[in-house]
Amino acid sequence: MQSHEVELKDRLIHTFLYYANLCKFENKVICKDEFKTTELYYHNFEKSVRKIAYALKETYPNILPPQNSEPVLVGVKCRSKLQTLISEFAILALGGTFVPLSFNEPEALQLYKIQESGVSLILTDHSISKSQQKTGLFCDITKFKPSIFFISEQEIYVQAKNDLAYVLFTSGSTREHPLGVMRTRSGLYLQMTRNYRNDLNISDKSVLLNLAVMTHDQAIVDCFGALLNGAAICLYDPHDLNVDDLHQFMRKYAVSIYSSTPHIFSIVFDHIPYKDYFPRLKVVTTGGEETLIEHVALYQKSCPDECDFFNGYGLTEDSWIASEKITKQTDLTQYHAIPFGQATESMITRLVECREEEDDEESEKVYELCVSSDTLSPGYFHNDEETNIAFFYRKWPSILSNR
């Protein structure tokens, strides 16, 4: 099947398969957790995806039916980042929708997310408790037999009628209960292979470092941004972060694109012995919290001369909407604060003034950021009320906006 014959929503899997075949002896998926480091070439990673997909298809034929045009949600609650990523691609390959779930949240919050999403199954990579067994939802993917590695891709990958790639819950920091944000396959594909790739100049020569937890939007950006563009991805578990160990990991695998929050960036780069300590580093990007001038000053001090800095800005509803590029030559005295930068390709942004009280002329002006794009979330899963509040139609080139 040629790429121009594949529907946009199915190119996510098609592109993944293309690079799995192209990079058989080159790029890898590398995972460093608290116990070991695992390296998988792309084609072996794809075989692992195929193994899980086939086992799910055989074991749970009614949970992920290829003919189902309605979203079928499957939770992923693995300790290993590698197993998480394999499981997510396996669910997508079968036409399903994945829901990242966390180990480190209160049990009540985990239960809320499970109930709100209505997941049919939860994939895990460790033994489960008796109470979890009673739910009938949990499945230990490490128990699947290895003999099914050799099933052909034609027997596994389906053309997805369902365009919903994943449902990711917000942090819940601004409201009592988090919202399940829907992201489409077509939106994810476009954003990763166009906006994110073009801004950071990602190619099959790139090596991306992932530090974000797998239930955070940045982890999806890191992982799918790498695998859909043929780059290597280094999954590093930051639990009890050992900076010296991370430095050696970055040097060993020649990381070229570093991604984290500004706070973690400061911890990692605060004691770099010299600016070419990471000689292959080409891009540093930070997001998830405010980037300060002191963070950018640290970049200029600690990174190679050919490395650029991007202050990335995104929403759970639209992962990469703007970025501010800063170089080693940028005069930081021009900034009172680091802006979130220019809107990415196909993105339209507006600042809209709003007031709590319409007639309060003396109140301080408050603005909402409105964005419109072809990669934007279609709304919140099973929550029309919140969707109608946050999303509205405008006479802009794109059909949907978020405020």
Protein backbone atom coordinates (compact mmCIF):
# COMPACT_ATOMS: atom_id res chain seq x y z
CA MET A 1 0.00 0.00 0.00
CA GLN A 2 1.49 3.33 -1.08
CA SER A 3 1.39 6.27 1.33
CA HIS A 4 -0.80 8.36 -0.99
CA GLU A 5 -3.42 5.60 -0.93
CA VAL A 6 -3.69 5.55 2.85
CA GLU A 7 -6.28 7.66 4.65
CA LEU A 8 -4.71 10.38 6.77
CA LYS A 9 -5.82 8.76 10.04
CA ASP A 10 -4.15 5.49 9.02
CA ARG A 11 -0.84 7.09 8.04
CA LEU A 12 0.14 7.04 11.70
CA ILE A 13 0.53 3.25 11.54
CA HIS A 14 1.69 3.26 7.91
CA THR A 15 4.53 5.70 8.70
CA PHE A 16 5.52 3.66 11.74
CA LEU A 17 5.70 0.50 9.58
CA TYR A 18 7.68 2.35 6.91
CA TYR A 19 10.39 3.40 9.34
CA ALA A 20 10.37 -0.01 11.04
CA ASN A 21 11.36 -1.52 7.67
CA LEU A 22 13.68 1.31 6.65
CA CYS A 23 15.68 1.46 9.90
CA LYS A 24 16.32 -2.26 10.47
CA PHE A 25 20.01 -1.76 11.16
CA GLU A 26 20.08 1.85 12.31
CA ASN A 27 17.71 3.63 14.66
CA LYS A 28 16.60 2.20 17.97
CA VAL A 29 14.15 2.52 20.78
CA ILE A 30 16.26 2.66 23.95
CA CYS A 31 14.79 2.40 27.45
CA LYS A 32 16.67 3.00 30.71
CA ASP A 33 14.77 2.18 33.88
CA GLU A 34 15.89 1.55 37.45
CA PHE A 35 16.89 -2.04 36.66
CA LYS A 36 18.38 -2.20 33.16
CA THR A 37 18.84 -0.62 29.74
CA THR A 38 17.03 -2.21 26.81
CA GLU A 39 17.81 -1.51 23.15
CA LEU A 40 15.47 -2.50 20.33
CA TYR A 41 16.05 -1.77 16.68
CA TYR A 42 12.95 -0.40 14.99
CA HIS A 43 12.06 -3.69 13.32
CA ASN A 44 12.33 -5.57 16.64
CA PHE A 45 10.23 -2.93 18.33
CA GLU A 46 7.61 -3.42 15.60
CA LYS A 47 7.69 -7.20 16.18
CA SER A 48 6.98 -6.57 19.85
CA VAL A 49 4.03 -4.39 18.87
CA ARG A 50 2.81 -7.14 16.56
CA LYS A 51 3.13 -9.74 19.33
CA ILE A 52 0.95 -7.75 21.74
CA ALA A 53 -1.56 -6.85 19.02
CA TYR A 54 -1.94 -10.45 17.92
CA ALA A 55 -2.28 -11.73 21.48
CA LEU A 56 -4.97 -9.13 22.22
CA LYS A 57 -6.79 -10.03 19.02
CA GLU A 58 -6.76 -13.73 19.90
CA THR A 59 -7.42 -13.44 23.64
CA TYR A 60 -10.01 -10.66 23.58
CA PRO A 61 -11.78 -10.92 20.19
CA ASN A 62 -14.78 -8.92 21.36
CA ILE A 63 -12.81 -6.05 22.91
CA LEU A 64 -10.94 -4.81 19.84
CA PRO A 65 -13.01 -5.83 16.83
CA PRO A 66 -11.61 -4.33 13.59
CA GLN A 67 -15.14 -3.74 12.30
CA ASN A 68 -16.06 -1.53 15.24
CA SER A 69 -16.55 2.06 14.12
CA GLU A 70 -17.08 3.31 17.68
CA PRO A 71 -14.07 4.14 19.89
CA VAL A 72 -12.90 1.13 21.93
CA LEU A 73 -10.79 2.40 24.82
CA VAL A 74 -7.99 0.34 26.39
CA GLY A 75 -6.02 1.56 29.40
CA VAL A 76 -2.22 1.28 29.60
CA LYS A 77 -0.75 1.09 33.10
CA CYS A 78 2.78 -0.29 32.71
CA ARG A 79 5.77 0.47 34.92
CA SER A 80 8.16 0.25 31.96
CA LYS A 81 8.14 3.12 29.49
CA LEU A 82 9.08 0.68 26.75
CA GLN A 83 6.15 -1.63 27.50
CA THR A 84 3.87 1.40 27.65
CA LEU A 85 4.91 2.55 24.18
CA ILE A 86 4.66 -0.95 22.70
CA SER A 87 1.16 -1.32 24.17
CA GLU A 88 0.02 2.04 22.82
CA PHE A 89 1.08 1.17 19.26
CA ALA A 90 -0.50 -2.29 19.55
CA ILE A 91 -3.84 -0.75 20.54
CA LEU A 92 -3.64 1.71 17.63
CA ALA A 93 -2.73 -1.10 15.24
CA LEU A 94 -5.98 -2.88 16.11
CA GLY A 95 -8.05 0.23 15.54
CA GLY A 96 -8.45 0.97 19.24
CA THR A 97 -7.89 4.04 21.43
CA PHE A 98 -5.36 4.05 24.30
CA VAL A 99 -5.75 5.73 27.69
CA PRO A 100 -2.50 6.31 29.66
CA LEU A 101 -2.99 5.56 33.36
CA SER A 102 -0.62 6.36 36.23
CA PHE A 103 0.77 4.30 39.11
CA ASN A 104 1.53 7.28 41.30
CA GLU A 105 -1.93 8.79 41.69
CA PRO A 106 -4.34 8.28 44.59
CA GLU A 107 -6.50 5.21 44.12
CA ALA A 108 -9.69 7.31 44.03
CA LEU A 109 -8.33 9.38 41.13
CA GLN A 110 -7.27 6.25 39.23
CA LEU A 111 -10.73 4.78 39.73
CA TYR A 112 -12.31 8.02 38.51
CA LYS A 113 -10.32 7.91 35.27
CA ILE A 114 -11.13 4.24 34.69
CA GLN A 115 -14.84 4.88 35.20
CA GLU A 116 -14.94 8.08 33.15
CA SER A 117 -13.14 6.57 30.19
CA GLY A 118 -15.06 3.29 30.35
CA VAL A 119 -11.99 1.27 29.33
CA SER A 120 -12.71 -2.28 28.22
CA LEU A 121 -9.30 -3.56 29.31
CA ILE A 122 -6.18 -2.32 31.12
CA LEU A 123 -2.77 -3.55 29.95
CA THR A 124 -0.06 -3.87 32.58
CA ASP A 125 3.42 -5.41 32.80
CA HIS A 126 3.42 -6.74 36.35
CA SER A 127 1.46 -8.99 38.67
CA ILE A 128 -1.86 -7.58 39.80
CA SER A 129 -3.60 -7.74 43.16
CA LYS A 130 -6.60 -9.90 43.92
CA SER A 131 -8.85 -6.85 43.99
CA GLN A 132 -7.65 -5.92 40.50
CA GLN A 133 -8.19 -9.47 39.31
CA LYS A 134 -11.81 -9.28 40.45
CA THR A 135 -12.49 -6.33 38.14
CA GLY A 136 -11.72 -8.48 35.11
CA LEU A 137 -10.11 -5.45 33.45
CA PHE A 138 -6.39 -6.07 33.97
CA CYS A 139 -4.20 -8.05 31.57
CA ASP A 140 -0.49 -8.77 32.19
CA ILE A 141 1.11 -8.48 28.74
CA THR A 142 4.33 -10.16 29.92
CA LYS A 143 2.40 -13.45 30.06
CA PHE A 144 1.82 -13.54 26.29
CA LYS A 145 3.68 -16.33 24.49
CA PRO A 146 6.68 -15.30 22.32
CA SER A 147 5.87 -17.74 19.49
CA ILE A 148 3.45 -15.27 17.93
CA PHE A 149 6.27 -12.84 17.06
CA PHE A 150 6.20 -14.24 13.54
CA ILE A 151 2.64 -13.36 12.59
CA SER A 152 2.74 -11.15 9.49
CA GLU A 153 1.81 -7.50 9.71
CA GLN A 154 -1.01 -8.07 7.19
CA GLU A 155 -2.76 -10.25 9.78
CA ILE A 156 -2.56 -7.59 12.46
CA TYR A 157 -2.81 -4.00 11.26
CA VAL A 158 -6.29 -2.87 10.35
CA GLN A 159 -7.67 0.18 8.61
CA ALA A 160 -9.16 2.11 11.48
CA LYS A 161 -12.72 3.34 11.10
CA ASN A 162 -12.22 4.99 14.47
CA ASP A 163 -10.07 8.15 14.21
CA LEU A 164 -9.60 8.55 17.97
CA ALA A 165 -5.95 7.85 18.89
CA TYR A 166 -6.01 8.42 22.64
CA VAL A 167 -7.79 9.98 25.59
CA LEU A 168 -5.42 11.77 27.96
CA PHE A 169 -6.64 13.21 31.24
CA THR A 170 -5.64 16.72 32.27
CA SER A 171 -3.73 17.21 35.51
CA GLY A 172 -6.82 18.37 37.37
CA SER A 173 -4.88 21.27 38.91
CA THR A 174 -7.50 23.87 37.88
CA ARG A 175 -10.67 21.89 38.62
CA GLU A 176 -12.01 19.23 40.96
CA HIS A 177 -11.94 16.43 38.36
CA PRO A 178 -9.60 16.10 35.36
CA LEU A 179 -11.02 16.08 31.85
CA GLY A 180 -10.41 13.33 29.30
CA VAL A 181 -8.99 15.10 26.25
CA MET A 182 -9.57 13.35 22.93
CA ARG A 183 -6.85 13.44 20.26
CA THR A 184 -7.38 12.04 16.78
CA ARG A 185 -5.04 9.89 14.72
CA SER A 186 -5.10 12.44 11.92
CA GLY A 187 -4.35 15.31 14.29
CA LEU A 188 -1.52 13.43 15.98
CA TYR A 189 -0.02 12.44 12.64
CA LEU A 190 -0.12 15.98 11.23
CA GLN A 191 1.26 17.60 14.35
CA MET A 192 4.18 15.22 14.74
CA THR A 193 5.17 14.91 11.05
CA ARG A 194 4.65 18.57 10.20
CA ASN A 195 4.63 21.07 13.09
CA TYR A 196 6.91 19.34 15.58
CA ARG A 197 9.26 17.95 12.93
CA ASN A 198 9.61 21.26 11.10
CA ASP A 199 10.15 23.38 14.22
CA LEU A 200 12.80 21.09 15.74
CA ASN A 201 14.24 19.84 12.42
CA ILE A 202 13.67 16.19 13.33
CA SER A 203 15.02 13.57 10.92
CA ASP A 204 16.20 9.97 10.89
CA LYS A 205 19.54 11.32 12.14
CA SER A 206 17.98 12.69 15.35
CA VAL A 207 18.11 11.10 18.80
CA LEU A 208 15.35 12.36 21.12
CA LEU A 209 15.49 12.08 24.89
CA ASN A 210 12.22 11.47 26.76
CA LEU A 211 12.12 12.31 30.48
CA ALA A 212 8.40 13.01 30.90
CA VAL A 213 6.19 10.42 32.56
CA MET A 214 4.06 8.48 30.09
CA THR A 215 0.79 9.95 31.35
CA HIS A 216 1.96 13.45 30.40
CA ASP A 217 1.28 15.02 27.03
CA GLN A 218 5.00 15.72 26.53
CA ALA A 219 5.75 11.98 26.55
CA ILE A 220 3.36 11.46 23.62
CA VAL A 221 5.04 14.33 21.77
CA ASP A 222 8.52 12.92 22.46
CA CYS A 223 7.72 9.32 21.49
CA PHE A 224 5.44 9.80 18.50
CA GLY A 225 7.51 12.77 17.31
CA ALA A 226 10.50 10.42 17.12
CA LEU A 227 8.88 7.23 15.77
CA LEU A 228 6.79 8.96 13.10
CA ASN A 229 9.88 10.72 11.75
CA GLY A 230 12.33 7.82 11.85
CA ALA A 231 14.39 9.19 14.74
CA ALA A 232 15.82 7.23 17.65
CA ILE A 233 14.02 7.65 20.98
CA CYS A 234 15.73 7.32 24.36
CA LEU A 235 13.25 6.59 27.14
CA TYR A 236 14.73 7.49 30.52
CA ASP A 237 12.90 6.93 33.80
CA PRO A 238 13.57 10.04 35.93
CA HIS A 239 12.46 8.33 39.16
CA ASP A 240 15.03 9.28 41.83
CA LEU A 241 16.94 11.17 39.13
CA ASN A 242 20.68 10.54 39.17
CA VAL A 243 22.12 13.41 37.16
CA ASP A 244 25.54 11.80 36.63
CA ASP A 245 23.89 8.63 35.33
CA LEU A 246 21.68 10.67 32.97
CA HIS A 247 24.74 12.57 31.69
CA GLN A 248 26.47 9.31 30.82
CA PHE A 249 23.30 7.99 29.18
CA MET A 250 23.00 11.13 27.01
CA ARG A 251 26.66 10.93 25.99
CA LYS A 252 26.56 7.19 25.23
CA TYR A 253 23.56 7.48 22.93
CA ALA A 254 24.55 10.86 21.43
CA VAL A 255 21.30 12.65 22.29
CA SER A 256 20.63 15.44 19.81
CA ILE A 257 17.22 16.70 21.04
CA TYR A 258 16.68 17.28 24.75
CA SER A 259 13.14 17.80 26.11
CA SER A 260 11.96 18.47 29.67
CA THR A 261 10.40 21.06 31.96
CA PRO A 262 12.56 24.12 32.70
CA HIS A 263 13.03 22.94 36.29
CA ILE A 264 14.44 19.57 35.25
CA PHE A 265 16.56 21.28 32.58
CA SER A 266 18.20 23.39 35.31
CA ILE A 267 18.97 20.31 37.39
CA VAL A 268 20.45 18.40 34.44
CA PHE A 269 22.52 21.24 32.96
CA ASP A 270 23.54 23.15 36.09
CA HIS A 271 26.90 21.42 36.50
CA ILE A 272 27.98 20.68 32.94
CA PRO A 273 31.81 20.82 32.96
CA TYR A 274 32.11 22.45 29.51
CA LYS A 275 29.75 23.53 26.73
CA ASP A 276 30.65 20.70 24.33
CA TYR A 277 30.02 18.02 26.94
CA PHE A 278 27.12 16.83 24.76
CA PRO A 279 28.74 17.32 21.33
CA ARG A 280 25.76 16.00 19.30
CA LEU A 281 23.18 18.18 21.04
CA LYS A 282 21.33 20.31 18.46
CA VAL A 283 18.08 21.26 20.20
CA VAL A 284 16.94 21.96 23.76
CA THR A 285 13.21 22.41 24.19
CA THR A 286 11.38 23.14 27.43
CA GLY A 287 7.69 23.31 28.26
CA GLY A 288 5.04 22.43 30.80
CA GLU A 289 5.82 25.42 33.02
CA GLU A 290 7.15 28.94 32.63
CA THR A 291 10.59 29.25 31.06
CA LEU A 292 12.58 32.05 32.71
CA ILE A 293 15.46 34.13 31.41
CA GLU A 294 17.75 32.28 33.82
CA HIS A 295 16.92 29.01 32.08
CA VAL A 296 17.86 30.42 28.69
CA ALA A 297 21.05 31.93 30.15
CA LEU A 298 21.99 28.46 31.42
CA TYR A 299 21.44 27.09 27.91
CA GLN A 300 23.74 29.72 26.41
CA LYS A 301 26.41 28.87 28.97
CA SER A 302 26.18 25.06 28.90
CA CYS A 303 25.25 23.94 25.37
CA PRO A 304 27.27 23.66 22.13
CA ASP A 305 27.38 26.69 19.83
CA GLU A 306 25.31 24.94 17.13
CA CYS A 307 22.53 24.04 19.60
CA ASP A 308 19.25 26.01 19.52
CA PHE A 309 16.77 26.56 22.34
CA PHE A 310 12.98 26.34 21.88
CA ASN A 311 10.49 27.52 24.46
CA GLY A 312 7.61 25.27 23.45
CA TYR A 313 4.00 26.02 24.27
CA GLY A 314 1.14 23.58 24.01
CA LEU A 315 -2.09 22.37 25.52
CA THR A 316 -3.29 18.89 26.32
CA GLU A 317 -5.91 19.77 23.69
CA ASP A 318 -3.22 20.65 21.11
CA SER A 319 0.28 19.56 22.03
CA TRP A 320 2.50 21.97 20.09
CA ILE A 321 0.94 25.29 19.16
CA ALA A 322 3.80 27.79 19.39
CA SER A 323 7.52 28.06 20.05
CA GLU A 324 10.15 30.76 20.59
CA LYS A 325 13.53 30.00 19.07
CA ILE A 326 16.61 31.35 20.85
CA THR A 327 20.21 30.88 19.75
CA LYS A 328 23.58 31.28 21.44
CA GLN A 329 23.80 34.73 19.85
CA THR A 330 20.40 35.97 21.07
CA ASP A 331 20.65 39.09 23.25
CA LEU A 332 18.68 38.19 26.37
CA THR A 333 18.50 41.81 27.55
CA GLN A 334 15.69 42.34 25.02
CA TYR A 335 13.39 40.11 27.09
CA HIS A 336 11.39 41.03 30.18
CA ALA A 337 10.07 37.46 30.03
CA ILE A 338 10.50 34.59 27.58
CA PRO A 339 7.54 34.62 25.17
CA PHE A 340 5.85 31.44 24.03
CA GLY A 341 6.68 32.50 20.50
CA GLN A 342 5.23 32.23 17.04
CA ALA A 343 2.30 29.99 16.21
CA THR A 344 3.26 26.83 14.36
CA GLU A 345 2.27 26.02 10.81
CA SER A 346 -1.54 25.93 10.24
CA MET A 347 -2.14 27.37 13.73
CA ILE A 348 -4.11 30.57 14.26
CA THR A 349 -4.00 32.28 17.65
CA ARG A 350 -5.94 35.23 19.04
CA LEU A 351 -5.96 37.05 22.37
CA VAL A 352 -9.54 37.81 23.33
CA GLU A 353 -10.31 40.27 26.09
CA CYS A 354 -12.76 39.07 28.72
CA ARG A 355 -14.15 40.36 32.02
CA GLU A 356 -15.86 38.65 34.89
CA GLU A 357 -18.32 41.57 35.08
CA GLU A 358 -19.30 43.16 31.80
CA ASP A 359 -19.96 46.58 33.35
CA ASP A 360 -16.79 46.75 35.44
CA GLU A 361 -14.79 49.27 33.42
CA GLU A 362 -12.06 49.64 36.09
CA SER A 363 -11.21 45.97 36.37
CA GLU A 364 -7.85 44.78 35.14
CA LYS A 365 -7.92 43.47 31.59
CA VAL A 366 -7.87 39.70 31.32
CA TYR A 367 -7.27 37.86 28.07
CA GLU A 368 -7.98 34.36 26.88
CA LEU A 369 -5.78 32.66 24.30
CA CYS A 370 -7.89 31.22 21.49
CA VAL A 371 -6.35 28.77 19.04
CA SER A 372 -7.61 27.22 15.85
CA SER A 373 -5.95 24.44 13.88
CA ASP A 374 -6.41 21.19 11.99
CA THR A 375 -4.72 19.28 14.83
CA LEU A 376 -6.92 20.45 17.68
CA SER A 377 -8.75 18.04 19.96
CA PRO A 378 -12.42 17.46 19.05
CA GLY A 379 -13.34 17.91 22.72
CA TYR A 380 -13.62 16.10 26.04
CA PHE A 381 -14.60 12.44 26.15
CA HIS A 382 -18.25 11.93 27.16
CA ASN A 383 -18.47 15.50 28.47
CA ASP A 384 -20.51 17.66 26.13
CA GLU A 385 -21.05 20.33 28.78
CA GLU A 386 -17.33 21.10 29.23
CA THR A 387 -16.72 20.71 25.49
CA ASN A 388 -19.36 23.33 24.71
CA ILE A 389 -17.79 25.72 27.20
CA ALA A 390 -14.21 25.39 25.94
CA PHE A 391 -14.77 24.78 22.20
CA PHE A 392 -16.70 27.03 19.91
CA TYR A 393 -17.10 27.73 16.20
CA ARG A 394 -15.55 30.80 14.60
CA LYS A 395 -15.26 32.19 11.12
CA TRP A 396 -11.60 31.24 10.99
CA PRO A 397 -10.00 28.93 8.42
CA SER A 398 -10.20 25.99 10.84
CA ILE A 399 -13.47 24.69 12.18
CA LEU A 400 -12.77 24.47 15.89
CA SER A 401 -11.20 26.69 18.50
CA ASN A 402 -10.19 26.36 22.12
CA ARG A 403 -10.22 29.13 24.67
